[in-house]
mmCIF file of all heavy atoms, coordinates in Angstrom:
data_MODEL
# 
_entry.id   MODEL 
# 
loop_
_atom_site.group_PDB 
_atom_site.id 
_atom_site.type_symbol 
_atom_site.label_atom_id 
_atom_site.label_alt_id 
_atom_site.label_comp_id 
_atom_site.label_asym_id 
_atom_site.label_entity_id 
_atom_site.label_seq_id 
_atom_site.pdbx_PDB_ins_code 
_atom_site.Cartn_x 
_atom_site.Cartn_y 
_atom_site.Cartn_z 
_atom_site.occupancy 
_atom_site.B_iso_or_equiv 
_atom_site.pdbx_formal_charge 
_atom_site.auth_seq_id 
_atom_site.auth_comp_id 
_atom_site.auth_asym_id 
_atom_site.auth_atom_id 
_atom_site.pdbx_PDB_model_num 
ATOM 1   N N   . VAL A 1 1  ? -11.339 -33.830 54.402 1.00 0.00 ? 1  VAL A N   1 
ATOM 2   C CA  . VAL A 1 1  ? -10.628 -35.261 54.406 1.00 0.00 ? 1  VAL A CA  1 
ATOM 3   C C   . VAL A 1 1  ? -10.369 -35.671 56.008 1.00 0.00 ? 1  VAL A C   1 
ATOM 4   O O   . VAL A 1 1  ? -9.861  -34.744 56.681 1.00 0.00 ? 1  VAL A O   1 
ATOM 5   C CB  . VAL A 1 1  ? -9.369  -35.260 53.654 1.00 0.00 ? 1  VAL A CB  1 
ATOM 6   C CG1 . VAL A 1 1  ? -8.680  -36.692 53.578 1.00 0.00 ? 1  VAL A CG1 1 
ATOM 7   C CG2 . VAL A 1 1  ? -9.678  -34.906 52.199 1.00 0.00 ? 1  VAL A CG2 1 
ATOM 8   N N   . PHE A 1 2  ? -10.662 -36.809 56.206 1.00 0.00 ? 2  PHE A N   1 
ATOM 9   C CA  . PHE A 1 2  ? -10.388 -37.274 57.648 1.00 0.00 ? 2  PHE A CA  1 
ATOM 10  C C   . PHE A 1 2  ? -9.160  -38.411 57.488 1.00 0.00 ? 2  PHE A C   1 
ATOM 11  O O   . PHE A 1 2  ? -9.547  -39.511 56.900 1.00 0.00 ? 2  PHE A O   1 
ATOM 12  C CB  . PHE A 1 2  ? -11.411 -37.886 58.402 1.00 0.00 ? 2  PHE A CB  1 
ATOM 13  C CG  . PHE A 1 2  ? -11.237 -38.147 59.853 1.00 0.00 ? 2  PHE A CG  1 
ATOM 14  C CD1 . PHE A 1 2  ? -11.319 -37.082 60.826 1.00 0.00 ? 2  PHE A CD1 1 
ATOM 15  C CD2 . PHE A 1 2  ? -10.994 -39.406 60.340 1.00 0.00 ? 2  PHE A CD2 1 
ATOM 16  C CE1 . PHE A 1 2  ? -11.091 -37.331 62.216 1.00 0.00 ? 2  PHE A CE1 1 
ATOM 17  C CE2 . PHE A 1 2  ? -10.665 -39.747 61.665 1.00 0.00 ? 2  PHE A CE2 1 
ATOM 18  C CZ  . PHE A 1 2  ? -10.773 -38.696 62.568 1.00 0.00 ? 2  PHE A CZ  1 
ATOM 19  N N   . LEU A 1 3  ? -7.949  -38.051 57.717 1.00 0.00 ? 3  LEU A N   1 
ATOM 20  C CA  . LEU A 1 3  ? -6.889  -38.914 57.571 1.00 0.00 ? 3  LEU A CA  1 
ATOM 21  C C   . LEU A 1 3  ? -6.758  -39.871 58.549 1.00 0.00 ? 3  LEU A C   1 
ATOM 22  O O   . LEU A 1 3  ? -6.760  -39.430 59.903 1.00 0.00 ? 3  LEU A O   1 
ATOM 23  C CB  . LEU A 1 3  ? -5.474  -38.239 57.414 1.00 0.00 ? 3  LEU A CB  1 
ATOM 24  C CG  . LEU A 1 3  ? -5.120  -37.366 56.089 1.00 0.00 ? 3  LEU A CG  1 
ATOM 25  C CD1 . LEU A 1 3  ? -3.772  -36.990 56.216 1.00 0.00 ? 3  LEU A CD1 1 
ATOM 26  C CD2 . LEU A 1 3  ? -5.426  -38.305 54.973 1.00 0.00 ? 3  LEU A CD2 1 
ATOM 27  N N   . THR A 1 4  ? -6.548  -41.163 58.437 1.00 0.00 ? 4  THR A N   1 
ATOM 28  C CA  . THR A 1 4  ? -6.388  -42.147 59.426 1.00 0.00 ? 4  THR A CA  1 
ATOM 29  C C   . THR A 1 4  ? -5.118  -43.030 59.028 1.00 0.00 ? 4  THR A C   1 
ATOM 30  O O   . THR A 1 4  ? -4.686  -42.973 57.906 1.00 0.00 ? 4  THR A O   1 
ATOM 31  C CB  . THR A 1 4  ? -7.534  -43.044 59.818 1.00 0.00 ? 4  THR A CB  1 
ATOM 32  O OG1 . THR A 1 4  ? -7.845  -43.938 58.651 1.00 0.00 ? 4  THR A OG1 1 
ATOM 33  C CG2 . THR A 1 4  ? -8.788  -42.198 60.211 1.00 0.00 ? 4  THR A CG2 1 
ATOM 34  N N   . ALA A 1 5  ? -4.742  -43.886 59.968 1.00 0.00 ? 5  ALA A N   1 
ATOM 35  C CA  . ALA A 1 5  ? -3.737  -45.012 59.651 1.00 0.00 ? 5  ALA A CA  1 
ATOM 36  C C   . ALA A 1 5  ? -3.805  -45.830 60.952 1.00 0.00 ? 5  ALA A C   1 
ATOM 37  O O   . ALA A 1 5  ? -4.324  -45.548 61.912 1.00 0.00 ? 5  ALA A O   1 
ATOM 38  C CB  . ALA A 1 5  ? -2.361  -44.334 59.529 1.00 0.00 ? 5  ALA A CB  1 
ATOM 39  N N   . SER A 1 6  ? -3.237  -47.006 60.809 1.00 0.00 ? 6  SER A N   1 
ATOM 40  C CA  . SER A 1 6  ? -3.318  -47.849 61.887 1.00 0.00 ? 6  SER A CA  1 
ATOM 41  C C   . SER A 1 6  ? -2.560  -47.402 62.959 1.00 0.00 ? 6  SER A C   1 
ATOM 42  O O   . SER A 1 6  ? -1.498  -46.662 62.912 1.00 0.00 ? 6  SER A O   1 
ATOM 43  C CB  . SER A 1 6  ? -2.693  -49.281 61.375 1.00 0.00 ? 6  SER A CB  1 
ATOM 44  O OG  . SER A 1 6  ? -1.240  -49.167 61.295 1.00 0.00 ? 6  SER A OG  1 
ATOM 45  N N   . PRO A 1 7  ? -2.865  -47.717 64.313 1.00 0.00 ? 7  PRO A N   1 
ATOM 46  C CA  . PRO A 1 7  ? -2.068  -47.196 65.451 1.00 0.00 ? 7  PRO A CA  1 
ATOM 47  C C   . PRO A 1 7  ? -0.673  -47.417 65.365 1.00 0.00 ? 7  PRO A C   1 
ATOM 48  O O   . PRO A 1 7  ? 0.181   -46.593 65.677 1.00 0.00 ? 7  PRO A O   1 
ATOM 49  C CB  . PRO A 1 7  ? -2.657  -47.912 66.592 1.00 0.00 ? 7  PRO A CB  1 
ATOM 50  C CG  . PRO A 1 7  ? -4.085  -48.296 66.143 1.00 0.00 ? 7  PRO A CG  1 
ATOM 51  C CD  . PRO A 1 7  ? -3.999  -48.586 64.653 1.00 0.00 ? 7  PRO A CD  1 
ATOM 52  N N   . GLU A 1 8  ? -0.301  -48.680 64.841 1.00 0.00 ? 8  GLU A N   1 
ATOM 53  C CA  . GLU A 1 8  ? 1.022   -49.087 64.680 1.00 0.00 ? 8  GLU A CA  1 
ATOM 54  C C   . GLU A 1 8  ? 1.880   -48.102 63.642 1.00 0.00 ? 8  GLU A C   1 
ATOM 55  O O   . GLU A 1 8  ? 2.985   -47.704 63.904 1.00 0.00 ? 8  GLU A O   1 
ATOM 56  C CB  . GLU A 1 8  ? 1.312   -50.523 64.388 1.00 0.00 ? 8  GLU A CB  1 
ATOM 57  C CG  . GLU A 1 8  ? 0.681   -51.603 65.345 1.00 0.00 ? 8  GLU A CG  1 
ATOM 58  C CD  . GLU A 1 8  ? -0.796  -51.553 65.493 1.00 0.00 ? 8  GLU A CD  1 
ATOM 59  O OE1 . GLU A 1 8  ? -1.492  -51.147 64.471 1.00 0.00 ? 8  GLU A OE1 1 
ATOM 60  O OE2 . GLU A 1 8  ? -1.304  -52.034 66.504 1.00 0.00 ? 8  GLU A OE2 1 
ATOM 61  N N   . GLU A 1 9  ? 1.302   -47.935 62.576 1.00 0.00 ? 9  GLU A N   1 
ATOM 62  C CA  . GLU A 1 9  ? 1.801   -47.151 61.469 1.00 0.00 ? 9  GLU A CA  1 
ATOM 63  C C   . GLU A 1 9  ? 1.995   -45.637 61.978 1.00 0.00 ? 9  GLU A C   1 
ATOM 64  O O   . GLU A 1 9  ? 2.982   -45.044 61.845 1.00 0.00 ? 9  GLU A O   1 
ATOM 65  C CB  . GLU A 1 9  ? 0.828   -47.161 60.294 1.00 0.00 ? 9  GLU A CB  1 
ATOM 66  C CG  . GLU A 1 9  ? 1.303   -46.210 59.162 1.00 0.00 ? 9  GLU A CG  1 
ATOM 67  C CD  . GLU A 1 9  ? 2.439   -46.739 58.357 1.00 0.00 ? 9  GLU A CD  1 
ATOM 68  O OE1 . GLU A 1 9  ? 3.032   -47.798 58.677 1.00 0.00 ? 9  GLU A OE1 1 
ATOM 69  O OE2 . GLU A 1 9  ? 2.982   -46.057 57.501 1.00 0.00 ? 9  GLU A OE2 1 
ATOM 70  N N   . ARG A 1 10 ? 0.854   -45.171 62.741 1.00 0.00 ? 10 ARG A N   1 
ATOM 71  C CA  . ARG A 1 10 ? 1.106   -43.828 63.201 1.00 0.00 ? 10 ARG A CA  1 
ATOM 72  C C   . ARG A 1 10 ? 2.176   -43.631 64.270 1.00 0.00 ? 10 ARG A C   1 
ATOM 73  O O   . ARG A 1 10 ? 2.966   -42.701 64.214 1.00 0.00 ? 10 ARG A O   1 
ATOM 74  C CB  . ARG A 1 10 ? -0.223  -43.437 63.898 1.00 0.00 ? 10 ARG A CB  1 
ATOM 75  C CG  . ARG A 1 10 ? -1.395  -43.178 62.840 1.00 0.00 ? 10 ARG A CG  1 
ATOM 76  C CD  . ARG A 1 10 ? -2.726  -43.236 63.516 1.00 0.00 ? 10 ARG A CD  1 
ATOM 77  N NE  . ARG A 1 10 ? -2.765  -42.195 64.702 1.00 0.00 ? 10 ARG A NE  1 
ATOM 78  C CZ  . ARG A 1 10 ? -3.556  -42.477 65.807 1.00 0.00 ? 10 ARG A CZ  1 
ATOM 79  N NH1 . ARG A 1 10 ? -4.404  -43.508 65.964 1.00 0.00 ? 10 ARG A NH1 1 
ATOM 80  N NH2 . ARG A 1 10 ? -3.478  -41.523 66.724 1.00 0.00 ? 10 ARG A NH2 1 
ATOM 81  N N   . ALA A 1 11 ? 2.255   -44.613 65.086 1.00 0.00 ? 11 ALA A N   1 
ATOM 82  C CA  . ALA A 1 11 ? 3.412   -44.646 66.139 1.00 0.00 ? 11 ALA A CA  1 
ATOM 83  C C   . ALA A 1 11 ? 4.732   -44.744 65.479 1.00 0.00 ? 11 ALA A C   1 
ATOM 84  O O   . ALA A 1 11 ? 5.739   -44.070 65.998 1.00 0.00 ? 11 ALA A O   1 
ATOM 85  C CB  . ALA A 1 11 ? 3.144   -45.783 67.076 1.00 0.00 ? 11 ALA A CB  1 
ATOM 86  N N   . ARG A 1 12 ? 4.919   -45.505 64.484 1.00 0.00 ? 12 ARG A N   1 
ATOM 87  C CA  . ARG A 1 12 ? 6.173   -45.765 63.667 1.00 0.00 ? 12 ARG A CA  1 
ATOM 88  C C   . ARG A 1 12 ? 6.532   -44.370 63.119 1.00 0.00 ? 12 ARG A C   1 
ATOM 89  O O   . ARG A 1 12 ? 7.722   -43.969 63.304 1.00 0.00 ? 12 ARG A O   1 
ATOM 90  C CB  . ARG A 1 12 ? 6.131   -46.817 62.701 1.00 0.00 ? 12 ARG A CB  1 
ATOM 91  C CG  . ARG A 1 12 ? 7.349   -47.167 61.861 1.00 0.00 ? 12 ARG A CG  1 
ATOM 92  C CD  . ARG A 1 12 ? 7.128   -47.856 60.674 1.00 0.00 ? 12 ARG A CD  1 
ATOM 93  N NE  . ARG A 1 12 ? 6.323   -47.317 59.650 1.00 0.00 ? 12 ARG A NE  1 
ATOM 94  C CZ  . ARG A 1 12 ? 6.673   -46.254 58.934 1.00 0.00 ? 12 ARG A CZ  1 
ATOM 95  N NH1 . ARG A 1 12 ? 7.974   -45.753 58.975 1.00 0.00 ? 12 ARG A NH1 1 
ATOM 96  N NH2 . ARG A 1 12 ? 5.897   -45.816 57.927 1.00 0.00 ? 12 ARG A NH2 1 
ATOM 97  N N   . ARG A 1 13 ? 5.643   -43.798 62.454 1.00 0.00 ? 13 ARG A N   1 
ATOM 98  C CA  . ARG A 1 13 ? 5.947   -42.385 61.888 1.00 0.00 ? 13 ARG A CA  1 
ATOM 99  C C   . ARG A 1 13 ? 6.463   -41.437 62.848 1.00 0.00 ? 13 ARG A C   1 
ATOM 100 O O   . ARG A 1 13 ? 7.323   -40.664 62.651 1.00 0.00 ? 13 ARG A O   1 
ATOM 101 C CB  . ARG A 1 13 ? 4.800   -41.893 61.024 1.00 0.00 ? 13 ARG A CB  1 
ATOM 102 C CG  . ARG A 1 13 ? 4.292   -42.683 59.858 1.00 0.00 ? 13 ARG A CG  1 
ATOM 103 C CD  . ARG A 1 13 ? 3.019   -42.105 59.314 1.00 0.00 ? 13 ARG A CD  1 
ATOM 104 N NE  . ARG A 1 13 ? 2.570   -43.023 58.207 1.00 0.00 ? 13 ARG A NE  1 
ATOM 105 C CZ  . ARG A 1 13 ? 1.338   -42.838 57.772 1.00 0.00 ? 13 ARG A CZ  1 
ATOM 106 N NH1 . ARG A 1 13 ? 0.451   -41.918 58.182 1.00 0.00 ? 13 ARG A NH1 1 
ATOM 107 N NH2 . ARG A 1 13 ? 1.008   -43.560 56.656 1.00 0.00 ? 13 ARG A NH2 1 
ATOM 108 N N   . ARG A 1 14 ? 5.656   -41.358 63.960 1.00 0.00 ? 14 ARG A N   1 
ATOM 109 C CA  . ARG A 1 14 ? 5.921   -40.349 64.917 1.00 0.00 ? 14 ARG A CA  1 
ATOM 110 C C   . ARG A 1 14 ? 7.346   -40.693 65.647 1.00 0.00 ? 14 ARG A C   1 
ATOM 111 O O   . ARG A 1 14 ? 8.049   -39.734 66.008 1.00 0.00 ? 14 ARG A O   1 
ATOM 112 C CB  . ARG A 1 14 ? 4.917   -40.411 66.056 1.00 0.00 ? 14 ARG A CB  1 
ATOM 113 C CG  . ARG A 1 14 ? 4.983   -39.217 67.055 1.00 0.00 ? 14 ARG A CG  1 
ATOM 114 C CD  . ARG A 1 14 ? 5.123   -37.799 66.568 1.00 0.00 ? 14 ARG A CD  1 
ATOM 115 N NE  . ARG A 1 14 ? 4.086   -37.346 65.576 1.00 0.00 ? 14 ARG A NE  1 
ATOM 116 C CZ  . ARG A 1 14 ? 3.087   -36.647 66.055 1.00 0.00 ? 14 ARG A CZ  1 
ATOM 117 N NH1 . ARG A 1 14 ? 2.965   -36.301 67.373 1.00 0.00 ? 14 ARG A NH1 1 
ATOM 118 N NH2 . ARG A 1 14 ? 2.282   -36.188 65.114 1.00 0.00 ? 14 ARG A NH2 1 
ATOM 119 N N   . ALA A 1 15 ? 7.575   -42.030 65.860 1.00 0.00 ? 15 ALA A N   1 
ATOM 120 C CA  . ALA A 1 15 ? 8.831   -42.393 66.493 1.00 0.00 ? 15 ALA A CA  1 
ATOM 121 C C   . ALA A 1 15 ? 9.944   -41.929 65.575 1.00 0.00 ? 15 ALA A C   1 
ATOM 122 O O   . ALA A 1 15 ? 11.105  -41.478 66.013 1.00 0.00 ? 15 ALA A O   1 
ATOM 123 C CB  . ALA A 1 15 ? 8.802   -43.870 66.766 1.00 0.00 ? 15 ALA A CB  1 
ATOM 124 N N   . ASP A 1 16 ? 9.764   -42.203 64.254 1.00 0.00 ? 16 ASP A N   1 
ATOM 125 C CA  . ASP A 1 16 ? 10.884  -41.897 63.373 1.00 0.00 ? 16 ASP A CA  1 
ATOM 126 C C   . ASP A 1 16 ? 11.155  -40.319 63.334 1.00 0.00 ? 16 ASP A C   1 
ATOM 127 O O   . ASP A 1 16 ? 12.189  -39.851 63.126 1.00 0.00 ? 16 ASP A O   1 
ATOM 128 C CB  . ASP A 1 16 ? 10.449  -42.371 61.896 1.00 0.00 ? 16 ASP A CB  1 
ATOM 129 C CG  . ASP A 1 16 ? 10.576  -43.772 61.769 1.00 0.00 ? 16 ASP A CG  1 
ATOM 130 O OD1 . ASP A 1 16 ? 11.192  -44.511 62.619 1.00 0.00 ? 16 ASP A OD1 1 
ATOM 131 O OD2 . ASP A 1 16 ? 10.061  -44.283 60.679 1.00 0.00 ? 16 ASP A OD2 1 
ATOM 132 N N   . GLU A 1 17 ? 10.024  -39.646 63.347 1.00 0.00 ? 17 GLU A N   1 
ATOM 133 C CA  . GLU A 1 17 ? 10.023  -38.125 63.352 1.00 0.00 ? 17 GLU A CA  1 
ATOM 134 C C   . GLU A 1 17 ? 10.855  -37.644 64.583 1.00 0.00 ? 17 GLU A C   1 
ATOM 135 O O   . GLU A 1 17 ? 11.521  -36.666 64.467 1.00 0.00 ? 17 GLU A O   1 
ATOM 136 C CB  . GLU A 1 17 ? 8.702   -37.600 63.312 1.00 0.00 ? 17 GLU A CB  1 
ATOM 137 C CG  . GLU A 1 17 ? 8.455   -36.119 63.215 1.00 0.00 ? 17 GLU A CG  1 
ATOM 138 C CD  . GLU A 1 17 ? 7.069   -35.579 63.290 1.00 0.00 ? 17 GLU A CD  1 
ATOM 139 O OE1 . GLU A 1 17 ? 6.243   -36.344 62.756 1.00 0.00 ? 17 GLU A OE1 1 
ATOM 140 O OE2 . GLU A 1 17 ? 6.817   -34.609 63.971 1.00 0.00 ? 17 GLU A OE2 1 
ATOM 141 N N   . LEU A 1 18 ? 10.545  -38.238 65.751 1.00 0.00 ? 18 LEU A N   1 
ATOM 142 C CA  . LEU A 1 18 ? 11.069  -37.739 66.989 1.00 0.00 ? 18 LEU A CA  1 
ATOM 143 C C   . LEU A 1 18 ? 12.465  -38.487 67.309 1.00 0.00 ? 18 LEU A C   1 
ATOM 144 O O   . LEU A 1 18 ? 13.057  -37.888 68.330 1.00 0.00 ? 18 LEU A O   1 
ATOM 145 C CB  . LEU A 1 18 ? 10.001  -37.976 68.114 1.00 0.00 ? 18 LEU A CB  1 
ATOM 146 C CG  . LEU A 1 18 ? 8.678   -37.273 67.973 1.00 0.00 ? 18 LEU A CG  1 
ATOM 147 C CD1 . LEU A 1 18 ? 7.890   -37.645 69.083 1.00 0.00 ? 18 LEU A CD1 1 
ATOM 148 C CD2 . LEU A 1 18 ? 8.932   -35.764 68.081 1.00 0.00 ? 18 LEU A CD2 1 
ATOM 149 N N   . GLY A 1 19 ? 12.693  -39.518 66.700 1.00 0.00 ? 19 GLY A N   1 
ATOM 150 C CA  . GLY A 1 19 ? 13.979  -40.266 67.038 1.00 0.00 ? 19 GLY A CA  1 
ATOM 151 C C   . GLY A 1 19 ? 13.764  -40.958 68.340 1.00 0.00 ? 19 GLY A C   1 
ATOM 152 O O   . GLY A 1 19 ? 14.769  -40.903 69.164 1.00 0.00 ? 19 GLY A O   1 
ATOM 153 N N   . THR A 1 20 ? 12.715  -41.547 68.586 1.00 0.00 ? 20 THR A N   1 
ATOM 154 C CA  . THR A 1 20 ? 12.405  -42.092 69.823 1.00 0.00 ? 20 THR A CA  1 
ATOM 155 C C   . THR A 1 20 ? 11.966  -43.544 69.823 1.00 0.00 ? 20 THR A C   1 
ATOM 156 O O   . THR A 1 20 ? 11.638  -44.060 68.685 1.00 0.00 ? 20 THR A O   1 
ATOM 157 C CB  . THR A 1 20 ? 11.409  -41.314 70.737 1.00 0.00 ? 20 THR A CB  1 
ATOM 158 O OG1 . THR A 1 20 ? 11.395  -41.746 72.081 1.00 0.00 ? 20 THR A OG1 1 
ATOM 159 C CG2 . THR A 1 20 ? 10.067  -41.133 70.245 1.00 0.00 ? 20 THR A CG2 1 
ATOM 160 N N   . ASP A 1 21 ? 11.527  -44.117 70.910 1.00 0.00 ? 21 ASP A N   1 
ATOM 161 C CA  . ASP A 1 21 ? 11.068  -45.596 70.882 1.00 0.00 ? 21 ASP A CA  1 
ATOM 162 C C   . ASP A 1 21 ? 9.602   -45.619 70.423 1.00 0.00 ? 21 ASP A C   1 
ATOM 163 O O   . ASP A 1 21 ? 8.729   -45.014 70.917 1.00 0.00 ? 21 ASP A O   1 
ATOM 164 C CB  . ASP A 1 21 ? 11.306  -46.099 72.222 1.00 0.00 ? 21 ASP A CB  1 
ATOM 165 C CG  . ASP A 1 21 ? 10.659  -47.557 72.493 1.00 0.00 ? 21 ASP A CG  1 
ATOM 166 O OD1 . ASP A 1 21 ? 11.160  -48.398 71.839 1.00 0.00 ? 21 ASP A OD1 1 
ATOM 167 O OD2 . ASP A 1 21 ? 9.777   -47.690 73.379 1.00 0.00 ? 21 ASP A OD2 1 
ATOM 168 N N   . GLN A 1 22 ? 9.279   -46.627 69.618 1.00 0.00 ? 22 GLN A N   1 
ATOM 169 C CA  . GLN A 1 22 ? 8.026   -46.738 68.911 1.00 0.00 ? 22 GLN A CA  1 
ATOM 170 C C   . GLN A 1 22 ? 7.062   -47.285 70.052 1.00 0.00 ? 22 GLN A C   1 
ATOM 171 O O   . GLN A 1 22 ? 5.863   -46.871 69.964 1.00 0.00 ? 22 GLN A O   1 
ATOM 172 C CB  . GLN A 1 22 ? 7.975   -47.776 67.794 1.00 0.00 ? 22 GLN A CB  1 
ATOM 173 C CG  . GLN A 1 22 ? 6.652   -48.013 67.059 1.00 0.00 ? 22 GLN A CG  1 
ATOM 174 C CD  . GLN A 1 22 ? 6.808   -48.680 65.861 1.00 0.00 ? 22 GLN A CD  1 
ATOM 175 O OE1 . GLN A 1 22 ? 7.681   -48.861 65.236 1.00 0.00 ? 22 GLN A OE1 1 
ATOM 176 N NE2 . GLN A 1 22 ? 5.675   -49.498 65.543 1.00 0.00 ? 22 GLN A NE2 1 
ATOM 177 N N   . ALA A 1 23 ? 7.363   -48.150 70.886 1.00 0.00 ? 23 ALA A N   1 
ATOM 178 C CA  . ALA A 1 23 ? 6.547   -48.604 71.996 1.00 0.00 ? 23 ALA A CA  1 
ATOM 179 C C   . ALA A 1 23 ? 6.038   -47.516 72.894 1.00 0.00 ? 23 ALA A C   1 
ATOM 180 O O   . ALA A 1 23 ? 4.869   -47.456 73.322 1.00 0.00 ? 23 ALA A O   1 
ATOM 181 C CB  . ALA A 1 23 ? 7.161   -49.788 72.799 1.00 0.00 ? 23 ALA A CB  1 
ATOM 182 N N   . THR A 1 24 ? 7.025   -46.632 73.260 1.00 0.00 ? 24 THR A N   1 
ATOM 183 C CA  . THR A 1 24 ? 6.705   -45.494 74.094 1.00 0.00 ? 24 THR A CA  1 
ATOM 184 C C   . THR A 1 24 ? 5.627   -44.536 73.328 1.00 0.00 ? 24 THR A C   1 
ATOM 185 O O   . THR A 1 24 ? 4.680   -44.064 73.966 1.00 0.00 ? 24 THR A O   1 
ATOM 186 C CB  . THR A 1 24 ? 7.922   -44.735 74.428 1.00 0.00 ? 24 THR A CB  1 
ATOM 187 O OG1 . THR A 1 24 ? 8.709   -45.480 75.030 1.00 0.00 ? 24 THR A OG1 1 
ATOM 188 C CG2 . THR A 1 24 ? 7.660   -43.528 75.401 1.00 0.00 ? 24 THR A CG2 1 
ATOM 189 N N   . VAL A 1 25 ? 5.840   -44.281 72.080 1.00 0.00 ? 25 VAL A N   1 
ATOM 190 C CA  . VAL A 1 25 ? 5.040   -43.436 71.256 1.00 0.00 ? 25 VAL A CA  1 
ATOM 191 C C   . VAL A 1 25 ? 3.696   -44.120 71.212 1.00 0.00 ? 25 VAL A C   1 
ATOM 192 O O   . VAL A 1 25 ? 2.634   -43.407 71.351 1.00 0.00 ? 25 VAL A O   1 
ATOM 193 C CB  . VAL A 1 25 ? 5.532   -43.241 69.869 1.00 0.00 ? 25 VAL A CB  1 
ATOM 194 C CG1 . VAL A 1 25 ? 4.604   -42.389 69.052 1.00 0.00 ? 25 VAL A CG1 1 
ATOM 195 C CG2 . VAL A 1 25 ? 6.865   -42.518 70.005 1.00 0.00 ? 25 VAL A CG2 1 
ATOM 196 N N   . LEU A 1 26 ? 3.653   -45.395 70.969 1.00 0.00 ? 26 LEU A N   1 
ATOM 197 C CA  . LEU A 1 26 ? 2.260   -46.090 70.903 1.00 0.00 ? 26 LEU A CA  1 
ATOM 198 C C   . LEU A 1 26 ? 1.428   -45.985 72.035 1.00 0.00 ? 26 LEU A C   1 
ATOM 199 O O   . LEU A 1 26 ? 0.187   -45.723 72.088 1.00 0.00 ? 26 LEU A O   1 
ATOM 200 C CB  . LEU A 1 26 ? 2.541   -47.578 70.555 1.00 0.00 ? 26 LEU A CB  1 
ATOM 201 C CG  . LEU A 1 26 ? 1.249   -48.373 70.199 1.00 0.00 ? 26 LEU A CG  1 
ATOM 202 C CD1 . LEU A 1 26 ? 0.548   -47.850 69.019 1.00 0.00 ? 26 LEU A CD1 1 
ATOM 203 C CD2 . LEU A 1 26 ? 1.649   -49.830 70.017 1.00 0.00 ? 26 LEU A CD2 1 
# 
């Protein structure tokens, strides 16, 4: 399986996980 998601969705998830700014993560 090759999992993907939109760049914005991926950045939002990672920002939530790290407790950081979404724009920086993107």
